[in-house]
Protein backbone atom coordinates (compact mmCIF):
# COMPACT_ATOMS: atom_id res chain seq x y z
CA UNK A 1 67.89 45.28 49.50
CA UNK A 2 65.80 42.51 47.98
CA UNK A 3 65.75 42.08 44.24
CA UNK A 4 62.09 42.06 43.22
CA UNK A 5 60.99 40.28 40.06
CA UNK A 6 57.80 41.59 38.46
CA UNK A 7 57.23 38.99 35.77
CA UNK A 8 55.56 35.61 35.43
CA UNK A 9 58.33 33.17 36.39
CA UNK A 10 56.64 30.41 34.37
CA UNK A 11 57.11 32.33 31.12
CA UNK A 12 60.55 33.79 31.82
CA UNK A 13 63.14 32.93 29.16
CA UNK A 14 66.68 31.72 29.86
CA UNK A 15 68.26 35.11 29.11
CA UNK A 16 66.12 36.79 31.77
CA UNK A 17 66.88 34.06 34.28
CA UNK A 18 70.62 34.40 33.62
CA UNK A 19 70.43 38.17 34.07
CA UNK A 20 68.48 37.95 37.32
CA UNK A 21 70.76 35.27 38.76
CA UNK A 22 73.99 37.01 37.71
CA UNK A 23 76.00 37.71 40.89
CA UNK A 24 77.52 40.88 39.39
CA UNK A 25 74.07 42.31 38.64
CA UNK A 26 72.88 41.42 42.14
CA UNK A 27 75.97 43.09 43.63
CA UNK A 28 75.11 46.37 41.84
CA UNK A 29 71.63 46.27 43.38
CA UNK A 30 73.12 45.91 46.86
């Protein structure tokens, strides 16, 4: 299943980017 991001990528902070690119978080979504 694709992980959809519903925020403005230009204003995303580093913490959000780290969370969304965390392989363990992505694995839960799958």
